N, C-alpha and C. Protein backbone atom coordinates (compact mmCIF):
# COMPACT_ATOMS: atom_id res chain seq x y z
N MET A 1 0.87 -1.17 0.00
CA MET A 1 -0.02 0.04 -0.01
C MET A 1 0.90 1.36 0.01
N ASP A 2 0.58 2.10 -0.86
CA ASP A 2 1.44 3.38 -0.96
C ASP A 2 0.94 4.42 -0.06
N ILE A 3 1.86 5.26 0.39
CA ILE A 3 1.47 6.34 1.31
C ILE A 3 1.62 7.65 0.43
N ASN A 4 0.58 8.51 0.65
CA ASN A 4 0.56 9.77 -0.09
C ASN A 4 1.10 10.94 0.70
N ARG A 5 1.30 12.06 0.12
CA ARG A 5 1.89 13.20 0.71
C ARG A 5 1.00 13.71 1.82
N HIS A 6 -0.28 13.67 1.84
CA HIS A 6 -1.07 14.14 2.95
C HIS A 6 -0.74 13.21 4.25
N GLN A 7 -0.80 11.89 3.99
CA GLN A 7 -0.47 10.96 5.11
C GLN A 7 1.00 11.28 5.59
N ILE A 8 1.86 11.50 4.77
CA ILE A 8 3.39 11.75 5.12
C ILE A 8 3.35 13.07 5.95
N ARG A 9 2.62 14.06 5.61
CA ARG A 9 2.58 15.30 6.41
C ARG A 9 2.08 15.07 7.79
N GLU A 10 1.02 14.19 7.96
CA GLU A 10 0.50 13.86 9.29
C GLU A 10 1.58 13.15 10.06
N ILE A 11 2.18 12.15 9.41
CA ILE A 11 3.23 11.42 10.18
C ILE A 11 4.44 12.41 10.54
N ALA A 12 4.80 13.19 9.58
CA ALA A 12 5.85 14.26 9.89
C ALA A 12 5.50 15.02 11.06
N PHE A 13 4.17 15.52 11.14
CA PHE A 13 3.81 16.29 12.30
C PHE A 13 3.98 15.53 13.57
N GLN A 14 3.42 14.21 13.53
CA GLN A 14 3.55 13.43 14.76
C GLN A 14 4.98 13.10 15.20
N THR A 15 5.83 12.87 14.19
CA THR A 15 7.19 12.68 14.42
C THR A 15 7.95 13.92 15.00
N LEU A 16 7.60 15.01 14.42
CA LEU A 16 8.19 16.27 15.02
C LEU A 16 7.71 16.60 16.39
N PHE A 17 6.41 16.30 16.62
CA PHE A 17 5.87 16.61 17.91
C PHE A 17 6.55 15.61 18.93
N ALA A 18 6.69 14.32 18.62
CA ALA A 18 7.34 13.41 19.53
C ALA A 18 8.80 13.72 19.71
N SER A 19 9.47 14.26 18.75
CA SER A 19 10.88 14.67 18.87
C SER A 19 11.03 15.94 19.77
N ALA A 20 9.94 16.75 19.62
CA ALA A 20 9.97 18.02 20.50
C ALA A 20 9.74 17.61 22.03
N THR A 21 9.00 16.67 22.21
CA THR A 21 8.67 16.07 23.52
C THR A 21 9.89 15.24 24.11
N ASN A 22 10.36 14.38 23.21
CA ASN A 22 11.54 13.51 23.63
C ASN A 22 12.54 13.48 22.47
N PRO A 23 13.61 14.39 22.69
CA PRO A 23 14.60 14.44 21.56
C PRO A 23 15.36 13.12 21.23
N ASP A 24 15.20 12.10 22.09
CA ASP A 24 15.84 10.88 21.84
C ASP A 24 14.98 9.94 21.00
N THR A 25 13.83 10.44 20.50
CA THR A 25 12.92 9.63 19.65
C THR A 25 13.70 9.17 18.42
N ASP A 26 13.67 7.89 18.05
CA ASP A 26 14.17 7.33 16.91
C ASP A 26 13.12 7.47 15.82
N ARG A 27 13.39 8.26 14.91
CA ARG A 27 12.32 8.57 13.81
C ARG A 27 11.89 7.48 13.05
N GLU A 28 12.85 6.55 12.68
CA GLU A 28 12.38 5.39 11.88
C GLU A 28 11.64 4.36 12.68
N GLU A 29 11.96 4.16 13.88
CA GLU A 29 11.21 3.34 14.80
C GLU A 29 9.84 3.87 15.10
N PHE A 30 9.77 5.15 15.34
CA PHE A 30 8.49 5.87 15.59
C PHE A 30 7.59 5.72 14.29
N TYR A 31 8.11 5.89 13.14
CA TYR A 31 7.39 5.67 11.92
C TYR A 31 6.76 4.27 11.93
N GLN A 32 7.52 3.33 12.31
CA GLN A 32 6.99 1.83 12.27
C GLN A 32 5.88 1.75 13.29
N VAL A 33 6.05 2.28 14.44
CA VAL A 33 4.95 2.32 15.45
C VAL A 33 3.67 2.97 14.97
N LEU A 34 3.84 4.18 14.45
CA LEU A 34 2.77 5.00 13.94
C LEU A 34 2.10 4.22 12.86
N THR A 35 2.68 3.63 11.98
CA THR A 35 2.07 3.04 10.74
C THR A 35 1.79 1.58 10.92
N ASP A 36 2.30 0.99 11.91
CA ASP A 36 2.03 -0.43 12.19
C ASP A 36 2.35 -1.24 10.91
N GLY A 37 3.41 -0.82 10.19
CA GLY A 37 3.82 -1.55 8.93
C GLY A 37 2.86 -1.47 7.79
N ARG A 38 1.87 -0.63 7.86
CA ARG A 38 0.84 -0.55 6.76
C ARG A 38 1.48 -0.12 5.41
N TYR A 39 2.54 0.67 5.51
CA TYR A 39 3.15 1.21 4.23
C TYR A 39 4.49 0.63 4.02
N GLY A 40 4.84 -0.49 4.66
CA GLY A 40 6.05 -1.08 4.50
C GLY A 40 7.08 -0.69 5.49
N ASP A 41 8.30 -1.15 5.42
CA ASP A 41 9.30 -0.86 6.40
C ASP A 41 10.15 0.27 6.14
N GLU A 42 10.18 0.73 4.90
CA GLU A 42 11.06 1.80 4.49
C GLU A 42 10.49 3.14 4.82
N PHE A 43 11.33 4.02 5.46
CA PHE A 43 11.04 5.42 5.86
C PHE A 43 10.96 6.16 4.54
N PRO A 44 9.73 6.73 4.19
CA PRO A 44 9.58 7.42 2.97
C PRO A 44 10.57 8.61 2.77
N ASP A 45 11.10 8.79 1.51
CA ASP A 45 11.95 9.84 1.35
C ASP A 45 11.42 11.27 1.68
N TYR A 46 10.19 11.48 1.24
CA TYR A 46 9.56 12.81 1.47
C TYR A 46 9.43 13.03 3.01
N LEU A 47 9.05 11.98 3.77
CA LEU A 47 8.95 12.10 5.25
C LEU A 47 10.31 12.56 5.81
N ALA A 48 11.41 11.88 5.32
CA ALA A 48 12.71 12.22 5.78
C ALA A 48 13.04 13.67 5.46
N THR A 49 12.63 14.13 4.17
CA THR A 49 12.91 15.45 3.81
C THR A 49 12.20 16.40 4.64
N LEU A 50 10.96 16.29 5.02
CA LEU A 50 10.14 17.07 5.82
C LEU A 50 10.76 17.20 7.28
N VAL A 51 10.86 16.07 7.90
CA VAL A 51 11.30 15.98 9.26
C VAL A 51 12.73 16.59 9.36
N GLN A 52 13.73 16.25 8.54
CA GLN A 52 15.04 16.66 8.59
C GLN A 52 15.11 18.09 8.15
N GLY A 53 14.33 18.49 7.22
CA GLY A 53 14.31 19.92 6.73
C GLY A 53 13.81 20.86 7.80
N VAL A 54 12.80 20.51 8.47
CA VAL A 54 12.28 21.30 9.49
C VAL A 54 13.27 21.49 10.62
N SER A 55 13.89 20.38 10.96
CA SER A 55 14.99 20.42 12.01
C SER A 55 16.12 21.19 11.58
N ASP A 56 16.61 21.05 10.36
CA ASP A 56 17.79 21.81 9.93
C ASP A 56 17.52 23.38 9.74
N HIS A 57 16.26 23.74 9.45
CA HIS A 57 15.90 25.13 9.22
C HIS A 57 15.15 25.73 10.34
N LYS A 58 15.01 25.17 11.48
CA LYS A 58 14.20 25.56 12.56
C LYS A 58 14.36 26.99 12.80
N ALA A 59 15.63 27.45 13.11
CA ALA A 59 15.86 28.79 13.46
C ALA A 59 15.36 29.80 12.47
N ASP A 60 15.50 29.55 11.17
CA ASP A 60 15.05 30.45 10.03
C ASP A 60 13.58 30.42 10.03
N ILE A 61 12.94 29.30 10.15
CA ILE A 61 11.48 29.09 10.14
C ILE A 61 10.92 29.80 11.38
N ASP A 62 11.45 29.60 12.49
CA ASP A 62 10.90 30.20 13.74
C ASP A 62 10.93 31.75 13.63
N ALA A 63 12.05 32.31 13.10
CA ALA A 63 12.18 33.70 12.89
C ALA A 63 11.04 34.27 11.94
N ILE A 64 10.69 33.51 10.96
CA ILE A 64 9.41 33.90 10.12
C ILE A 64 8.26 33.92 10.96
N ILE A 65 8.05 32.89 11.70
CA ILE A 65 6.82 32.85 12.58
C ILE A 65 6.79 34.00 13.54
N SER A 66 7.92 34.25 14.19
CA SER A 66 7.93 35.41 15.16
C SER A 66 7.63 36.72 14.58
N LYS A 67 8.00 37.03 13.41
CA LYS A 67 7.66 38.30 12.80
C LYS A 67 6.24 38.52 12.56
N HIS A 68 5.38 37.34 12.61
CA HIS A 68 3.95 37.46 12.36
C HIS A 68 3.14 37.44 13.63
N LEU A 69 3.88 37.32 14.80
CA LEU A 69 3.10 37.31 16.01
C LEU A 69 2.79 38.69 16.62
N LYS A 70 1.82 38.86 17.32
CA LYS A 70 1.40 40.21 17.87
C LYS A 70 2.46 40.53 18.93
N ALA A 71 2.59 41.81 19.17
CA ALA A 71 3.50 42.26 20.25
C ALA A 71 3.18 41.67 21.53
N GLY A 72 4.30 41.23 22.17
CA GLY A 72 4.13 40.63 23.47
C GLY A 72 4.02 39.09 23.39
N TRP A 73 3.94 38.59 22.21
CA TRP A 73 3.82 37.11 22.00
C TRP A 73 5.23 36.60 21.71
N SER A 74 5.48 35.35 22.03
CA SER A 74 6.75 34.77 21.69
C SER A 74 6.34 33.26 21.28
N LEU A 75 7.32 32.66 20.60
CA LEU A 75 7.05 31.26 20.17
C LEU A 75 6.69 30.38 21.39
N GLY A 76 7.24 30.63 22.47
CA GLY A 76 6.99 29.85 23.67
C GLY A 76 5.47 29.86 24.17
N ARG A 77 4.82 30.89 23.74
CA ARG A 77 3.36 30.96 24.15
C ARG A 77 2.53 30.25 23.16
N LEU A 78 3.00 29.92 22.09
CA LEU A 78 2.13 29.10 21.13
C LEU A 78 2.02 27.69 21.49
N ALA A 79 0.81 27.17 21.23
CA ALA A 79 0.64 25.69 21.41
C ALA A 79 1.68 24.95 20.55
N LYS A 80 2.26 23.91 21.22
CA LYS A 80 3.26 23.15 20.40
C LYS A 80 2.67 22.58 19.15
N THR A 81 1.39 22.13 19.11
CA THR A 81 0.79 21.64 17.83
C THR A 81 0.81 22.74 16.78
N ASP A 82 0.44 23.94 17.15
CA ASP A 82 0.34 25.01 16.17
C ASP A 82 1.69 25.39 15.59
N LEU A 83 2.69 25.44 16.59
CA LEU A 83 4.09 25.78 16.14
C LEU A 83 4.62 24.75 15.15
N ILE A 84 4.41 23.51 15.45
CA ILE A 84 4.94 22.48 14.48
C ILE A 84 4.24 22.43 13.25
N ILE A 85 2.96 22.69 13.22
CA ILE A 85 2.16 22.78 11.94
C ILE A 85 2.70 23.96 11.12
N LEU A 86 2.95 25.08 11.83
CA LEU A 86 3.48 26.22 11.00
C LEU A 86 4.82 25.93 10.50
N GLU A 87 5.72 25.32 11.28
CA GLU A 87 7.05 24.97 10.93
C GLU A 87 7.04 24.08 9.65
N LEU A 88 6.11 23.08 9.63
CA LEU A 88 6.07 22.14 8.47
C LEU A 88 5.61 22.96 7.21
N ALA A 89 4.62 23.69 7.39
CA ALA A 89 4.07 24.45 6.21
C ALA A 89 5.11 25.47 5.74
N LEU A 90 5.76 26.23 6.64
CA LEU A 90 6.76 27.21 6.18
C LEU A 90 7.95 26.52 5.52
N TYR A 91 8.34 25.38 6.06
CA TYR A 91 9.45 24.64 5.42
C TYR A 91 9.10 24.25 3.93
N GLU A 92 7.92 23.75 3.80
CA GLU A 92 7.41 23.45 2.40
C GLU A 92 7.46 24.68 1.58
N ILE A 93 6.84 25.76 2.05
CA ILE A 93 6.69 27.07 1.27
C ILE A 93 7.98 27.61 0.84
N HIS A 94 9.03 27.58 1.76
CA HIS A 94 10.35 28.16 1.49
C HIS A 94 11.43 27.27 0.87
N PHE A 95 11.23 25.99 1.17
CA PHE A 95 12.30 25.08 0.87
C PHE A 95 12.04 23.83 -0.09
N VAL A 96 10.80 23.71 -0.43
CA VAL A 96 10.32 22.64 -1.25
C VAL A 96 9.66 23.17 -2.44
N PRO A 97 10.43 23.55 -3.54
CA PRO A 97 9.98 24.28 -4.74
C PRO A 97 8.86 23.48 -5.46
N ASP A 98 8.77 22.23 -5.43
CA ASP A 98 7.85 21.47 -6.16
C ASP A 98 6.53 21.39 -5.55
N THR A 99 6.37 21.98 -4.36
CA THR A 99 4.98 21.91 -3.65
C THR A 99 4.42 23.44 -3.76
N PRO A 100 3.35 23.52 -4.45
CA PRO A 100 2.71 24.91 -4.39
C PRO A 100 2.46 25.43 -3.03
N ALA A 101 2.64 26.73 -2.79
CA ALA A 101 2.44 27.22 -1.50
C ALA A 101 1.00 27.13 -1.03
N LYS A 102 0.04 27.25 -1.87
CA LYS A 102 -1.34 27.03 -1.51
C LYS A 102 -1.72 25.63 -1.01
N VAL A 103 -0.93 24.71 -1.61
CA VAL A 103 -1.12 23.31 -1.15
C VAL A 103 -0.62 23.13 0.25
N SER A 104 0.57 23.81 0.57
CA SER A 104 1.19 23.72 1.92
C SER A 104 0.24 24.40 2.88
N VAL A 105 -0.41 25.48 2.52
CA VAL A 105 -1.29 26.17 3.39
C VAL A 105 -2.53 25.37 3.66
N ASN A 106 -3.11 24.75 2.57
CA ASN A 106 -4.33 23.88 2.80
C ASN A 106 -3.98 22.63 3.64
N GLU A 107 -2.86 22.14 3.49
CA GLU A 107 -2.53 20.90 4.24
C GLU A 107 -2.31 21.30 5.67
N ALA A 108 -1.69 22.44 5.94
CA ALA A 108 -1.60 22.96 7.34
C ALA A 108 -2.95 23.09 8.06
N ILE A 109 -3.84 23.71 7.29
CA ILE A 109 -5.26 23.84 7.79
C ILE A 109 -5.80 22.44 8.10
N GLU A 110 -5.60 21.50 7.31
CA GLU A 110 -6.16 20.08 7.44
C GLU A 110 -5.47 19.53 8.68
N LEU A 111 -4.25 19.76 8.93
CA LEU A 111 -3.57 19.24 10.11
C LEU A 111 -4.05 19.86 11.38
N THR A 112 -4.32 21.17 11.23
CA THR A 112 -4.90 21.91 12.41
C THR A 112 -6.22 21.41 12.83
N LYS A 113 -7.10 21.13 11.65
CA LYS A 113 -8.41 20.69 12.09
C LYS A 113 -8.28 19.26 12.74
N LYS A 114 -7.36 18.46 12.36
CA LYS A 114 -7.27 17.18 12.99
C LYS A 114 -6.67 17.17 14.35
N PHE A 115 -5.59 18.07 14.56
CA PHE A 115 -4.75 17.91 15.78
C PHE A 115 -4.98 19.14 16.66
N SER A 116 -5.82 20.11 16.29
CA SER A 116 -5.91 21.26 17.23
C SER A 116 -7.39 21.70 17.21
N ASP A 117 -7.66 22.97 17.27
CA ASP A 117 -9.09 23.49 17.34
C ASP A 117 -9.28 24.61 16.37
N ASP A 118 -10.52 25.18 16.45
CA ASP A 118 -10.91 26.12 15.41
C ASP A 118 -10.09 27.44 15.55
N ARG A 119 -9.87 27.92 16.72
CA ARG A 119 -9.13 29.09 17.03
C ARG A 119 -7.76 28.96 16.41
N SER A 120 -7.16 27.72 16.70
CA SER A 120 -5.83 27.51 16.02
C SER A 120 -5.80 27.48 14.56
N ARG A 121 -6.94 26.89 14.02
CA ARG A 121 -7.00 26.86 12.55
C ARG A 121 -6.97 28.27 11.96
N LYS A 122 -7.74 29.18 12.67
CA LYS A 122 -7.85 30.54 12.13
C LYS A 122 -6.35 31.22 12.36
N PHE A 123 -5.72 30.97 13.37
CA PHE A 123 -4.40 31.50 13.71
C PHE A 123 -3.35 31.00 12.63
N VAL A 124 -3.27 29.78 12.44
CA VAL A 124 -2.39 29.21 11.44
C VAL A 124 -2.70 29.73 10.15
N ASN A 125 -3.95 29.78 9.71
CA ASN A 125 -4.35 30.40 8.42
C ASN A 125 -3.85 31.77 8.28
N GLY A 126 -4.01 32.56 9.36
CA GLY A 126 -3.61 34.02 9.33
C GLY A 126 -2.17 34.15 9.15
N VAL A 127 -1.34 33.39 9.98
CA VAL A 127 0.05 33.48 9.88
C VAL A 127 0.60 33.12 8.43
N LEU A 128 0.09 31.94 7.95
CA LEU A 128 0.51 31.57 6.66
C LEU A 128 0.01 32.49 5.54
N SER A 129 -1.07 33.07 5.62
CA SER A 129 -1.67 34.03 4.57
C SER A 129 -0.83 35.22 4.60
N HIS A 130 -0.45 35.71 5.74
CA HIS A 130 0.45 36.94 5.80
C HIS A 130 1.85 36.59 5.20
N GLU A 131 2.31 35.45 5.47
CA GLU A 131 3.65 35.07 4.83
C GLU A 131 3.53 35.10 3.33
N LEU A 132 2.49 34.44 2.90
CA LEU A 132 2.36 34.36 1.39
C LEU A 132 2.20 35.87 0.81
N GLU A 133 1.58 36.65 1.49
CA GLU A 133 1.48 38.06 1.01
C GLU A 133 2.87 38.70 1.03
N ASN A 134 3.64 38.39 1.97
CA ASN A 134 5.09 38.94 2.00
C ASN A 134 5.99 38.40 0.92
N ILE A 135 5.76 37.16 0.61
CA ILE A 135 6.49 36.44 -0.51
C ILE A 135 6.13 37.00 -1.84
N GLU A 136 4.83 37.35 -2.07
CA GLU A 136 4.38 37.86 -3.30
C GLU A 136 4.75 39.33 -3.58
N LYS A 137 5.16 39.98 -2.48
CA LYS A 137 5.54 41.43 -2.66
C LYS A 137 6.89 41.58 -3.29
């Protein structure tokens, strides 16, 4: 059974969340636990790209998020779920040229619907929409 990019983004979110909670998380073992072998034993290339890319560019991505926060807010005040969803989407927008930005935004909204709440969905959409406006200028 093949795994699609939507499913990969969900697993990337869960992997990044687990790694944020426990830095010793073995990503490939965690993938096997999450998927229960449904997609085979091999860690998908795009999953590795997302997880490693967000990790490698975290400082740059977090700086982008910070500039969209209201005065008095910091990354530490954000729900961990919202922060990781934003990091994933912004990584794709800025570092994965073959993924249209609007697809990344839509996927982030879908992740927020599944793993967070309506207020978070509006917040994530707002941050990403403002970033797309900045890119288009």
